[in-house]
N, C-alpha and C. Protein backbone atom coordinates (compact mmCIF):
# COMPACT_ATOMS: atom_id res chain seq x y z
N MET A 1 -156.59 68.80 -126.00
CA MET A 1 -155.37 68.94 -125.21
C MET A 1 -155.44 70.24 -124.41
N VAL A 2 -155.15 70.14 -123.12
CA VAL A 2 -155.21 71.29 -122.24
C VAL A 2 -153.81 71.80 -121.97
N SER A 3 -153.60 73.09 -122.18
CA SER A 3 -152.30 73.70 -121.91
C SER A 3 -152.35 74.42 -120.57
N CYS A 4 -151.38 74.18 -119.76
CA CYS A 4 -151.34 74.80 -118.43
C CYS A 4 -150.08 75.65 -118.32
N ILE A 5 -150.24 76.95 -118.46
CA ILE A 5 -149.09 77.85 -118.41
C ILE A 5 -148.45 77.82 -117.03
N ASN A 6 -149.31 77.87 -116.00
CA ASN A 6 -148.78 77.84 -114.63
C ASN A 6 -148.00 76.56 -114.35
N CYS A 7 -148.52 75.43 -114.89
CA CYS A 7 -147.83 74.16 -114.69
C CYS A 7 -146.45 74.21 -115.34
N GLN A 8 -146.41 74.77 -116.55
CA GLN A 8 -145.13 74.85 -117.26
C GLN A 8 -144.14 75.73 -116.50
N VAL A 9 -144.65 76.85 -115.96
CA VAL A 9 -143.79 77.74 -115.18
C VAL A 9 -143.27 77.03 -113.95
N ASN A 10 -144.17 76.31 -113.25
CA ASN A 10 -143.77 75.59 -112.04
C ASN A 10 -142.73 74.52 -112.34
N ILE A 11 -142.94 73.82 -113.47
CA ILE A 11 -141.99 72.78 -113.86
C ILE A 11 -140.63 73.40 -114.14
N LYS A 12 -140.64 74.55 -114.86
CA LYS A 12 -139.37 75.22 -115.18
C LYS A 12 -138.69 75.71 -113.90
N LEU A 13 -139.49 76.31 -112.99
CA LEU A 13 -138.91 76.78 -111.73
C LEU A 13 -138.38 75.62 -110.90
N GLY A 14 -139.15 74.53 -110.87
CA GLY A 14 -138.71 73.34 -110.14
C GLY A 14 -137.39 72.82 -110.68
N GLY A 15 -137.28 72.81 -112.01
CA GLY A 15 -136.04 72.35 -112.63
C GLY A 15 -134.86 73.24 -112.29
N LEU A 16 -135.11 74.57 -112.29
CA LEU A 16 -134.04 75.51 -111.94
C LEU A 16 -133.60 75.34 -110.49
N LEU A 17 -134.59 75.13 -109.60
CA LEU A 17 -134.25 74.93 -108.19
C LEU A 17 -133.45 73.64 -108.00
N ASP A 18 -133.84 72.59 -108.74
CA ASP A 18 -133.09 71.34 -108.66
C ASP A 18 -131.65 71.55 -109.09
N LEU A 19 -131.47 72.27 -110.18
CA LEU A 19 -130.11 72.55 -110.66
C LEU A 19 -129.32 73.36 -109.65
N PHE A 20 -130.02 74.34 -109.01
CA PHE A 20 -129.36 75.19 -108.02
C PHE A 20 -128.88 74.36 -106.84
N PHE A 21 -129.77 73.51 -106.29
CA PHE A 21 -129.38 72.72 -105.13
C PHE A 21 -128.34 71.66 -105.48
N MET A 22 -128.44 71.11 -106.69
CA MET A 22 -127.42 70.14 -107.12
C MET A 22 -126.06 70.81 -107.24
N SER A 23 -126.05 72.08 -107.71
CA SER A 23 -124.78 72.79 -107.83
C SER A 23 -124.16 73.04 -106.46
N ILE A 24 -125.01 73.31 -105.45
CA ILE A 24 -124.51 73.49 -104.09
C ILE A 24 -123.91 72.19 -103.58
N LEU A 25 -124.62 71.09 -103.81
CA LEU A 25 -124.15 69.79 -103.33
C LEU A 25 -122.83 69.40 -103.97
N ARG A 26 -122.60 69.84 -105.22
CA ARG A 26 -121.39 69.45 -105.93
C ARG A 26 -120.17 70.25 -105.49
N LYS A 27 -120.39 71.38 -104.84
CA LYS A 27 -119.27 72.23 -104.46
C LYS A 27 -118.52 71.64 -103.27
N MET A 28 -117.21 71.84 -103.29
CA MET A 28 -116.38 71.35 -102.19
C MET A 28 -116.60 72.22 -100.95
N LYS A 29 -116.75 71.56 -99.81
CA LYS A 29 -116.85 72.25 -98.53
C LYS A 29 -115.54 72.02 -97.78
N LEU A 30 -114.90 73.11 -97.42
CA LEU A 30 -113.63 73.05 -96.71
C LEU A 30 -113.79 73.71 -95.35
N TYR A 31 -113.66 72.90 -94.31
CA TYR A 31 -113.74 73.40 -92.94
C TYR A 31 -112.31 73.59 -92.43
N LEU A 32 -111.96 74.82 -92.09
CA LEU A 32 -110.64 75.12 -91.53
C LEU A 32 -110.77 75.22 -90.02
N MET A 33 -109.99 74.44 -89.32
CA MET A 33 -110.06 74.42 -87.85
C MET A 33 -108.68 74.71 -87.27
N ARG A 34 -108.65 75.62 -86.32
CA ARG A 34 -107.39 75.89 -85.62
C ARG A 34 -107.21 74.86 -84.52
N HIS A 35 -105.97 74.48 -84.28
CA HIS A 35 -105.68 73.50 -83.23
C HIS A 35 -106.19 73.98 -81.88
N GLY A 36 -106.36 73.04 -80.96
CA GLY A 36 -106.83 73.38 -79.62
C GLY A 36 -105.75 74.06 -78.78
N LEU A 37 -106.13 74.43 -77.56
CA LEU A 37 -105.23 75.12 -76.64
C LEU A 37 -104.02 74.25 -76.32
N ALA A 38 -102.81 74.80 -76.56
CA ALA A 38 -101.56 74.07 -76.33
C ALA A 38 -100.77 74.74 -75.22
N ILE A 39 -99.74 74.06 -74.74
CA ILE A 39 -98.89 74.66 -73.72
C ILE A 39 -98.19 75.88 -74.31
N GLU A 40 -97.84 76.82 -73.47
CA GLU A 40 -97.30 78.09 -73.92
C GLU A 40 -95.93 77.95 -74.58
N ARG A 41 -95.63 78.89 -75.47
CA ARG A 41 -94.29 78.97 -76.03
C ARG A 41 -93.29 79.26 -74.91
N GLY A 42 -92.02 78.88 -75.15
CA GLY A 42 -91.00 79.16 -74.16
C GLY A 42 -90.85 78.08 -73.12
N THR A 43 -91.58 76.97 -73.29
CA THR A 43 -91.41 75.84 -72.38
C THR A 43 -90.18 75.05 -72.82
N LEU A 44 -89.97 73.92 -72.21
CA LEU A 44 -88.76 73.14 -72.49
C LEU A 44 -88.79 72.48 -73.86
N VAL A 45 -89.97 72.37 -74.49
CA VAL A 45 -90.06 71.67 -75.78
C VAL A 45 -89.97 72.67 -76.93
N GLU A 46 -89.59 72.18 -78.10
CA GLU A 46 -89.58 73.00 -79.31
C GLU A 46 -91.02 73.39 -79.66
N ASP A 47 -91.17 74.48 -80.40
CA ASP A 47 -92.51 74.95 -80.77
C ASP A 47 -93.30 73.88 -81.50
N SER A 48 -92.65 73.16 -82.39
CA SER A 48 -93.35 72.14 -83.19
C SER A 48 -93.81 70.96 -82.34
N ASP A 49 -93.23 70.82 -81.13
CA ASP A 49 -93.56 69.69 -80.26
C ASP A 49 -94.53 70.06 -79.15
N ARG A 50 -95.00 71.30 -79.12
CA ARG A 50 -95.91 71.69 -78.04
C ARG A 50 -97.22 70.93 -78.13
N PRO A 51 -97.59 70.18 -77.07
CA PRO A 51 -98.83 69.41 -77.09
C PRO A 51 -100.01 70.22 -76.59
N LEU A 52 -101.21 69.67 -76.76
CA LEU A 52 -102.40 70.27 -76.17
C LEU A 52 -102.35 70.15 -74.65
N THR A 53 -102.92 71.13 -73.98
CA THR A 53 -103.08 71.02 -72.53
C THR A 53 -104.27 70.10 -72.25
N ALA A 54 -104.46 69.74 -70.99
CA ALA A 54 -105.61 68.92 -70.62
C ALA A 54 -106.91 69.66 -70.95
N LEU A 55 -106.93 70.97 -70.70
CA LEU A 55 -108.11 71.76 -71.03
C LEU A 55 -108.30 71.83 -72.54
N GLY A 56 -107.20 71.97 -73.27
CA GLY A 56 -107.28 72.01 -74.73
C GLY A 56 -107.87 70.73 -75.30
N LYS A 57 -107.47 69.59 -74.74
CA LYS A 57 -108.02 68.30 -75.19
C LYS A 57 -109.51 68.21 -74.90
N LYS A 58 -109.88 68.66 -73.69
CA LYS A 58 -111.27 68.57 -73.27
C LYS A 58 -112.17 69.44 -74.15
N LYS A 59 -111.74 70.68 -74.40
CA LYS A 59 -112.53 71.57 -75.24
C LYS A 59 -112.64 71.04 -76.67
N THR A 60 -111.55 70.50 -77.18
CA THR A 60 -111.56 69.96 -78.54
C THR A 60 -112.51 68.77 -78.63
N GLN A 61 -112.55 67.94 -77.59
CA GLN A 61 -113.50 66.82 -77.56
C GLN A 61 -114.93 67.32 -77.61
N HIS A 62 -115.23 68.38 -76.87
CA HIS A 62 -116.58 68.94 -76.88
C HIS A 62 -116.94 69.49 -78.25
N VAL A 63 -115.98 70.13 -78.91
CA VAL A 63 -116.22 70.63 -80.27
C VAL A 63 -116.53 69.46 -81.20
N GLY A 64 -115.74 68.40 -81.10
CA GLY A 64 -115.97 67.21 -81.92
C GLY A 64 -117.34 66.59 -81.67
N GLN A 65 -117.75 66.53 -80.41
CA GLN A 65 -119.06 65.99 -80.07
C GLN A 65 -120.18 66.84 -80.66
N TYR A 66 -119.99 68.15 -80.64
CA TYR A 66 -120.99 69.06 -81.22
C TYR A 66 -121.09 68.85 -82.72
N LEU A 67 -119.96 68.72 -83.39
CA LEU A 67 -119.96 68.48 -84.83
C LEU A 67 -120.67 67.17 -85.16
N GLN A 68 -120.46 66.18 -84.30
CA GLN A 68 -121.11 64.89 -84.50
C GLN A 68 -122.63 65.02 -84.35
N LYS A 69 -123.07 65.81 -83.38
CA LYS A 69 -124.50 66.02 -83.19
C LYS A 69 -125.13 66.71 -84.39
N LEU A 70 -124.34 67.55 -85.05
CA LEU A 70 -124.83 68.23 -86.25
C LEU A 70 -124.92 67.30 -87.45
N GLY A 71 -124.39 66.10 -87.29
CA GLY A 71 -124.42 65.13 -88.39
C GLY A 71 -123.35 65.35 -89.44
N LEU A 72 -122.31 66.09 -89.09
CA LEU A 72 -121.24 66.33 -90.05
C LEU A 72 -120.37 65.10 -90.22
N ASN A 73 -119.90 64.91 -91.43
CA ASN A 73 -118.98 63.82 -91.73
C ASN A 73 -118.04 64.30 -92.83
N PHE A 74 -116.76 64.06 -92.64
CA PHE A 74 -115.76 64.56 -93.57
C PHE A 74 -115.16 63.40 -94.37
N ASP A 75 -115.01 63.62 -95.67
CA ASP A 75 -114.36 62.61 -96.49
C ASP A 75 -112.91 62.42 -96.08
N LEU A 76 -112.32 63.49 -95.56
CA LEU A 76 -110.92 63.45 -95.17
C LEU A 76 -110.64 64.54 -94.15
N ILE A 77 -109.85 64.20 -93.14
CA ILE A 77 -109.30 65.18 -92.21
C ILE A 77 -107.82 65.30 -92.53
N ILE A 78 -107.38 66.52 -92.76
CA ILE A 78 -105.98 66.79 -93.09
C ILE A 78 -105.42 67.66 -91.98
N THR A 79 -104.19 67.38 -91.55
CA THR A 79 -103.65 68.13 -90.44
C THR A 79 -102.20 68.56 -90.67
N SER A 80 -101.85 69.67 -90.04
CA SER A 80 -100.46 70.10 -89.95
C SER A 80 -99.66 69.02 -89.23
N PRO A 81 -98.38 68.89 -89.54
CA PRO A 81 -97.57 67.88 -88.86
C PRO A 81 -97.19 68.25 -87.42
N LEU A 82 -97.44 69.49 -86.99
CA LEU A 82 -97.08 69.88 -85.63
C LEU A 82 -97.93 69.13 -84.60
N VAL A 83 -97.33 68.83 -83.47
CA VAL A 83 -97.96 67.96 -82.46
C VAL A 83 -99.34 68.47 -82.05
N ARG A 84 -99.46 69.76 -81.77
CA ARG A 84 -100.74 70.29 -81.27
C ARG A 84 -101.85 70.16 -82.31
N ALA A 85 -101.50 70.29 -83.59
CA ALA A 85 -102.49 70.11 -84.65
C ALA A 85 -102.83 68.64 -84.84
N ARG A 86 -101.82 67.78 -84.80
CA ARG A 86 -102.06 66.33 -84.95
C ARG A 86 -102.94 65.80 -83.83
N GLN A 87 -102.70 66.26 -82.61
CA GLN A 87 -103.53 65.82 -81.49
C GLN A 87 -104.97 66.29 -81.66
N THR A 88 -105.14 67.51 -82.13
CA THR A 88 -106.49 68.02 -82.41
C THR A 88 -107.18 67.16 -83.46
N ALA A 89 -106.46 66.84 -84.52
CA ALA A 89 -107.02 66.02 -85.61
C ALA A 89 -107.40 64.63 -85.11
N GLU A 90 -106.57 64.06 -84.26
CA GLU A 90 -106.85 62.72 -83.74
C GLU A 90 -108.11 62.72 -82.88
N ILE A 91 -108.30 63.78 -82.10
CA ILE A 91 -109.51 63.87 -81.27
C ILE A 91 -110.74 63.97 -82.16
N ILE A 92 -110.69 64.82 -83.18
CA ILE A 92 -111.82 64.96 -84.11
C ILE A 92 -112.06 63.65 -84.85
N HIS A 93 -111.00 63.01 -85.26
CA HIS A 93 -111.09 61.73 -85.98
C HIS A 93 -111.76 60.66 -85.12
N HIS A 94 -111.43 60.64 -83.83
CA HIS A 94 -111.98 59.63 -82.93
C HIS A 94 -113.45 59.86 -82.60
N GLN A 95 -113.98 61.01 -83.00
CA GLN A 95 -115.41 61.25 -82.81
C GLN A 95 -116.23 60.67 -83.97
N SER A 96 -115.59 59.82 -84.77
CA SER A 96 -116.25 59.17 -85.92
C SER A 96 -116.73 60.19 -86.95
N LEU A 97 -115.97 61.29 -87.08
CA LEU A 97 -116.33 62.31 -88.06
C LEU A 97 -115.70 62.06 -89.43
N SER A 98 -114.75 61.14 -89.49
CA SER A 98 -114.13 60.76 -90.76
C SER A 98 -113.41 59.44 -90.58
N ARG A 99 -113.33 58.69 -91.67
CA ARG A 99 -112.56 57.44 -91.63
C ARG A 99 -111.12 57.64 -92.06
N HIS A 100 -110.81 58.83 -92.57
CA HIS A 100 -109.49 59.07 -93.14
C HIS A 100 -108.82 60.28 -92.50
N LEU A 101 -107.56 60.11 -92.18
CA LEU A 101 -106.77 61.18 -91.57
C LEU A 101 -105.39 61.19 -92.21
N GLU A 102 -104.98 62.37 -92.69
CA GLU A 102 -103.67 62.50 -93.33
C GLU A 102 -102.93 63.71 -92.79
N VAL A 103 -101.60 63.62 -92.78
CA VAL A 103 -100.75 64.74 -92.38
C VAL A 103 -100.26 65.43 -93.64
N SER A 104 -100.34 66.77 -93.65
CA SER A 104 -99.94 67.54 -94.82
C SER A 104 -98.96 68.63 -94.44
N PRO A 105 -97.80 68.70 -95.10
CA PRO A 105 -96.84 69.77 -94.81
C PRO A 105 -97.37 71.15 -95.18
N TYR A 106 -98.37 71.22 -96.08
CA TYR A 106 -98.92 72.51 -96.51
C TYR A 106 -99.64 73.22 -95.37
N LEU A 107 -100.07 72.46 -94.35
CA LEU A 107 -100.80 73.05 -93.23
C LEU A 107 -99.89 73.45 -92.07
N ALA A 108 -98.59 73.22 -92.21
CA ALA A 108 -97.63 73.70 -91.22
C ALA A 108 -97.61 75.23 -91.27
N PRO A 109 -97.13 75.89 -90.21
CA PRO A 109 -97.06 77.36 -90.24
C PRO A 109 -96.36 77.89 -91.49
N GLU A 110 -96.93 78.95 -92.08
CA GLU A 110 -96.43 79.58 -93.30
C GLU A 110 -96.54 78.66 -94.52
N GLY A 111 -97.53 77.75 -94.47
CA GLY A 111 -97.78 76.89 -95.62
C GLY A 111 -98.31 77.69 -96.80
N ASP A 112 -98.18 77.12 -97.99
CA ASP A 112 -98.57 77.82 -99.22
C ASP A 112 -99.98 77.40 -99.65
N LEU A 113 -100.89 78.38 -99.71
CA LEU A 113 -102.28 78.10 -100.07
C LEU A 113 -102.40 77.53 -101.47
N SER A 114 -101.68 78.09 -102.44
CA SER A 114 -101.78 77.62 -103.82
C SER A 114 -101.35 76.17 -103.94
N GLU A 115 -100.29 75.80 -103.24
CA GLU A 115 -99.83 74.41 -103.27
C GLU A 115 -100.86 73.49 -102.60
N PHE A 116 -101.46 73.97 -101.53
CA PHE A 116 -102.49 73.18 -100.84
C PHE A 116 -103.69 72.95 -101.76
N LEU A 117 -104.13 74.00 -102.46
CA LEU A 117 -105.27 73.86 -103.38
C LEU A 117 -104.93 72.93 -104.54
N ALA A 118 -103.71 72.99 -105.02
CA ALA A 118 -103.29 72.10 -106.11
C ALA A 118 -103.32 70.65 -105.62
N TRP A 119 -102.90 70.43 -104.39
CA TRP A 119 -102.94 69.08 -103.81
C TRP A 119 -104.38 68.60 -103.68
N LEU A 120 -105.27 69.49 -103.22
CA LEU A 120 -106.68 69.12 -103.10
C LEU A 120 -107.27 68.71 -104.44
N ALA A 121 -106.94 69.46 -105.48
CA ALA A 121 -107.48 69.18 -106.82
C ALA A 121 -107.06 67.81 -107.32
N LEU A 122 -105.86 67.38 -106.95
CA LEU A 122 -105.34 66.09 -107.41
C LEU A 122 -105.80 64.91 -106.57
N HIS A 123 -106.11 65.15 -105.29
CA HIS A 123 -106.33 64.04 -104.38
C HIS A 123 -107.75 63.94 -103.81
N THR A 124 -108.63 64.86 -104.17
CA THR A 124 -109.99 64.82 -103.63
C THR A 124 -111.02 65.02 -104.74
N LYS A 125 -112.26 64.64 -104.41
CA LYS A 125 -113.37 64.83 -105.35
C LYS A 125 -113.86 66.27 -105.29
N PRO A 126 -114.38 66.80 -106.40
CA PRO A 126 -114.86 68.20 -106.40
C PRO A 126 -115.95 68.46 -105.37
N GLU A 127 -116.74 67.42 -105.02
CA GLU A 127 -117.84 67.62 -104.09
C GLU A 127 -117.49 67.16 -102.67
N ALA A 128 -116.21 66.99 -102.39
CA ALA A 128 -115.78 66.46 -101.10
C ALA A 128 -116.06 67.44 -99.96
N SER A 129 -116.18 66.87 -98.76
CA SER A 129 -116.29 67.65 -97.53
C SER A 129 -115.03 67.36 -96.72
N LEU A 130 -114.23 68.39 -96.49
CA LEU A 130 -112.91 68.20 -95.90
C LEU A 130 -112.74 69.06 -94.66
N MET A 131 -111.96 68.55 -93.71
CA MET A 131 -111.53 69.38 -92.58
C MET A 131 -110.02 69.48 -92.61
N ALA A 132 -109.51 70.71 -92.54
CA ALA A 132 -108.07 70.96 -92.52
C ALA A 132 -107.72 71.64 -91.20
N ILE A 133 -106.81 71.05 -90.45
CA ILE A 133 -106.47 71.56 -89.12
C ILE A 133 -105.07 72.15 -89.15
N GLY A 134 -104.99 73.43 -88.78
CA GLY A 134 -103.71 74.11 -88.86
C GLY A 134 -103.57 75.22 -87.85
N HIS A 135 -103.02 76.34 -88.29
CA HIS A 135 -102.55 77.38 -87.38
C HIS A 135 -103.02 78.77 -87.81
N GLN A 136 -103.01 79.67 -86.84
CA GLN A 136 -103.29 81.08 -87.06
C GLN A 136 -101.94 81.81 -87.08
N PRO A 137 -101.71 82.78 -87.94
CA PRO A 137 -102.69 83.48 -88.77
C PRO A 137 -102.97 82.86 -90.13
N ASP A 138 -102.32 81.73 -90.44
CA ASP A 138 -102.45 81.15 -91.77
C ASP A 138 -103.90 80.87 -92.17
N LEU A 139 -104.66 80.23 -91.27
CA LEU A 139 -106.02 79.85 -91.63
C LEU A 139 -106.90 81.07 -91.86
N GLY A 140 -106.73 82.10 -91.04
CA GLY A 140 -107.48 83.33 -91.27
C GLY A 140 -107.10 83.99 -92.58
N ASN A 141 -105.80 84.01 -92.86
CA ASN A 141 -105.31 84.60 -94.11
C ASN A 141 -105.79 83.80 -95.32
N TRP A 142 -105.75 82.47 -95.22
CA TRP A 142 -106.22 81.62 -96.31
C TRP A 142 -107.70 81.89 -96.59
N SER A 143 -108.48 82.02 -95.51
CA SER A 143 -109.92 82.28 -95.67
C SER A 143 -110.14 83.57 -96.44
N GLU A 144 -109.40 84.60 -96.08
CA GLU A 144 -109.56 85.88 -96.77
C GLU A 144 -109.10 85.81 -98.22
N MET A 145 -108.04 85.08 -98.48
CA MET A 145 -107.58 84.90 -99.86
C MET A 145 -108.64 84.17 -100.68
N LEU A 146 -109.25 83.15 -100.11
CA LEU A 146 -110.25 82.37 -100.83
C LEU A 146 -111.52 83.19 -101.11
N VAL A 147 -111.88 84.07 -100.19
CA VAL A 147 -113.12 84.84 -100.34
C VAL A 147 -112.88 86.17 -101.06
N TYR A 148 -111.85 86.92 -100.59
CA TYR A 148 -111.64 88.28 -101.09
C TYR A 148 -110.51 88.40 -102.12
N GLY A 149 -109.63 87.39 -102.16
CA GLY A 149 -108.51 87.47 -103.08
C GLY A 149 -107.32 88.21 -102.52
N GLN A 150 -107.42 88.67 -101.28
CA GLN A 150 -106.31 89.37 -100.64
C GLN A 150 -106.42 89.23 -99.12
N ILE A 151 -105.30 89.36 -98.45
CA ILE A 151 -105.27 89.26 -97.00
C ILE A 151 -105.64 90.60 -96.40
N GLN A 152 -106.62 90.60 -95.51
CA GLN A 152 -107.07 91.82 -94.85
C GLN A 152 -106.82 91.80 -93.35
N GLU A 153 -106.37 90.65 -92.84
CA GLU A 153 -106.07 90.46 -91.42
C GLU A 153 -107.28 90.77 -90.54
N GLY A 154 -108.46 90.43 -91.05
CA GLY A 154 -109.68 90.66 -90.30
C GLY A 154 -110.28 89.39 -89.71
N ILE A 155 -109.94 88.23 -90.27
CA ILE A 155 -110.48 86.96 -89.77
C ILE A 155 -109.46 86.31 -88.85
N VAL A 156 -109.85 86.14 -87.61
CA VAL A 156 -108.98 85.51 -86.62
C VAL A 156 -109.70 84.30 -86.05
N LEU A 157 -109.15 83.13 -86.24
CA LEU A 157 -109.73 81.91 -85.67
C LEU A 157 -109.19 81.70 -84.27
N LYS A 158 -110.10 81.57 -83.31
CA LYS A 158 -109.71 81.22 -81.95
C LYS A 158 -109.28 79.75 -81.92
N LYS A 159 -108.58 79.37 -80.87
CA LYS A 159 -108.15 77.97 -80.75
C LYS A 159 -109.37 77.06 -80.71
N ALA A 160 -109.36 76.03 -81.56
CA ALA A 160 -110.46 75.08 -81.76
C ALA A 160 -111.66 75.72 -82.47
N GLY A 161 -111.46 76.93 -83.02
CA GLY A 161 -112.51 77.56 -83.81
C GLY A 161 -112.53 77.01 -85.23
N ILE A 162 -113.66 77.20 -85.90
CA ILE A 162 -113.85 76.61 -87.24
C ILE A 162 -114.44 77.65 -88.19
N ILE A 163 -113.97 77.64 -89.41
CA ILE A 163 -114.58 78.42 -90.48
C ILE A 163 -114.90 77.48 -91.63
N GLY A 164 -116.12 77.59 -92.17
CA GLY A 164 -116.53 76.74 -93.28
C GLY A 164 -116.54 77.54 -94.57
N LEU A 165 -115.91 77.00 -95.60
CA LEU A 165 -115.81 77.67 -96.90
C LEU A 165 -116.35 76.76 -97.99
N GLN A 166 -117.10 77.34 -98.89
CA GLN A 166 -117.59 76.60 -100.06
C GLN A 166 -116.78 77.02 -101.26
N LEU A 167 -116.04 76.07 -101.84
CA LEU A 167 -115.20 76.36 -102.99
C LEU A 167 -115.99 76.17 -104.28
N PRO A 168 -115.65 76.90 -105.33
CA PRO A 168 -116.38 76.75 -106.60
C PRO A 168 -116.15 75.36 -107.18
N ASP A 169 -117.15 74.87 -107.96
CA ASP A 169 -117.02 73.54 -108.52
C ASP A 169 -116.06 73.49 -109.71
N SER A 170 -115.67 74.65 -110.20
CA SER A 170 -114.68 74.70 -111.28
C SER A 170 -114.01 76.07 -111.26
N GLY A 171 -112.85 76.13 -111.88
CA GLY A 171 -112.15 77.40 -111.96
C GLY A 171 -111.34 77.71 -110.72
N GLU A 172 -110.92 78.94 -110.61
CA GLU A 172 -110.05 79.41 -109.54
C GLU A 172 -110.81 79.55 -108.22
N ALA A 173 -110.26 78.94 -107.16
CA ALA A 173 -110.91 79.03 -105.84
C ALA A 173 -110.62 80.36 -105.16
N ILE A 174 -109.42 80.91 -105.37
CA ILE A 174 -109.03 82.17 -104.73
C ILE A 174 -109.91 83.31 -105.27
N ALA A 175 -110.51 84.04 -104.33
CA ALA A 175 -111.42 85.16 -104.61
C ALA A 175 -112.77 84.71 -105.17
N HIS A 176 -113.03 83.39 -105.22
CA HIS A 176 -114.31 82.90 -105.74
C HIS A 176 -114.99 81.92 -104.79
N SER A 177 -114.56 81.89 -103.52
CA SER A 177 -115.16 81.00 -102.53
C SER A 177 -116.09 81.80 -101.62
N GLN A 178 -116.89 81.08 -100.85
CA GLN A 178 -117.86 81.73 -99.97
C GLN A 178 -117.75 81.17 -98.56
N ILE A 179 -117.90 82.06 -97.57
CA ILE A 179 -117.97 81.62 -96.18
C ILE A 179 -119.41 81.23 -95.87
N PHE A 180 -119.60 80.03 -95.31
CA PHE A 180 -120.95 79.66 -94.88
C PHE A 180 -121.01 79.38 -93.39
N TRP A 181 -119.83 79.37 -92.74
CA TRP A 181 -119.84 79.09 -91.29
C TRP A 181 -118.59 79.69 -90.66
N LEU A 182 -118.78 80.46 -89.60
CA LEU A 182 -117.67 80.98 -88.80
C LEU A 182 -118.13 81.00 -87.36
N THR A 183 -117.47 80.22 -86.52
CA THR A 183 -117.92 80.14 -85.13
C THR A 183 -116.76 80.06 -84.17
N SER A 184 -116.98 80.66 -83.02
CA SER A 184 -116.02 80.57 -81.92
C SER A 184 -116.26 79.27 -81.16
N PRO A 185 -115.21 78.64 -80.63
CA PRO A 185 -115.42 77.43 -79.84
C PRO A 185 -116.29 77.66 -78.61
N LYS A 186 -116.40 78.92 -78.14
CA LYS A 186 -117.24 79.22 -76.98
C LYS A 186 -118.68 78.83 -77.22
N LEU A 187 -119.11 78.89 -78.49
CA LEU A 187 -120.48 78.54 -78.82
C LEU A 187 -120.69 77.04 -78.92
N LEU A 188 -119.59 76.29 -78.98
CA LEU A 188 -119.67 74.84 -79.16
C LEU A 188 -119.35 74.07 -77.89
N VAL A 189 -118.75 74.75 -76.91
CA VAL A 189 -118.27 74.08 -75.71
C VAL A 189 -119.15 74.44 -74.52
N PRO A 190 -119.60 73.45 -73.72
CA PRO A 190 -120.41 73.76 -72.55
C PRO A 190 -119.70 74.68 -71.57
N LYS A 191 -120.47 75.48 -70.86
CA LYS A 191 -119.89 76.42 -69.91
C LYS A 191 -119.17 75.73 -68.76
N ILE A 192 -119.49 74.46 -68.52
CA ILE A 192 -118.86 73.75 -67.40
C ILE A 192 -117.38 73.55 -67.64
N VAL A 193 -116.92 73.65 -68.91
CA VAL A 193 -115.50 73.52 -69.19
C VAL A 193 -114.85 74.86 -68.89
N SER A 194 -114.12 74.94 -67.82
CA SER A 194 -113.47 76.19 -67.43
C SER A 194 -112.02 75.93 -67.12
N LYS A 195 -111.28 76.99 -66.90
CA LYS A 195 -109.85 76.86 -66.63
C LYS A 195 -109.61 76.13 -65.31
N ALA A 196 -110.64 76.06 -64.50
CA ALA A 196 -110.46 75.38 -63.22
C ALA A 196 -110.46 73.88 -63.37
N THR A 197 -110.93 73.34 -64.51
CA THR A 197 -111.00 71.89 -64.68
C THR A 197 -109.74 71.36 -65.30
């Protein structure tokens, strides 16, 4: 019988790597997206009824197309009930990025992160990939709470911007999550989309 120490080490390392990558795959991925460009405050409509502008719709479509090219697919898209967020969610949904779309009051302005996380725990799988569409400063504050455990007012999501967070597979998500993606919509939208269009 031949004993191979190197083989045993490689097998053990291979097993550890498998466990590591499986643990990553099992973790929930939460993509927080700010709604697209909407008409300005102070118009004739209530704040909750402000729709996306034509440019806002166009830029959001380009962001959705880019996400599709990346091969992303979400188990669920959740959106704030406000018109500008719902319209953003519908555009992303129509890019075939998810088969499911739900409206959540937790994503309305000044929504409660703890209540949102409790809802996620009850209604989604631990390894789910989710997109939540809402508002600033809430999404930036939520991101900081999930990563740092406190609000530092340092993360600002631009309109149609996205931040990707990996939540732990068990235990408390606040102060135990990781950022794996933070991008401005400028990096996702072609330069041909300008205010003149």
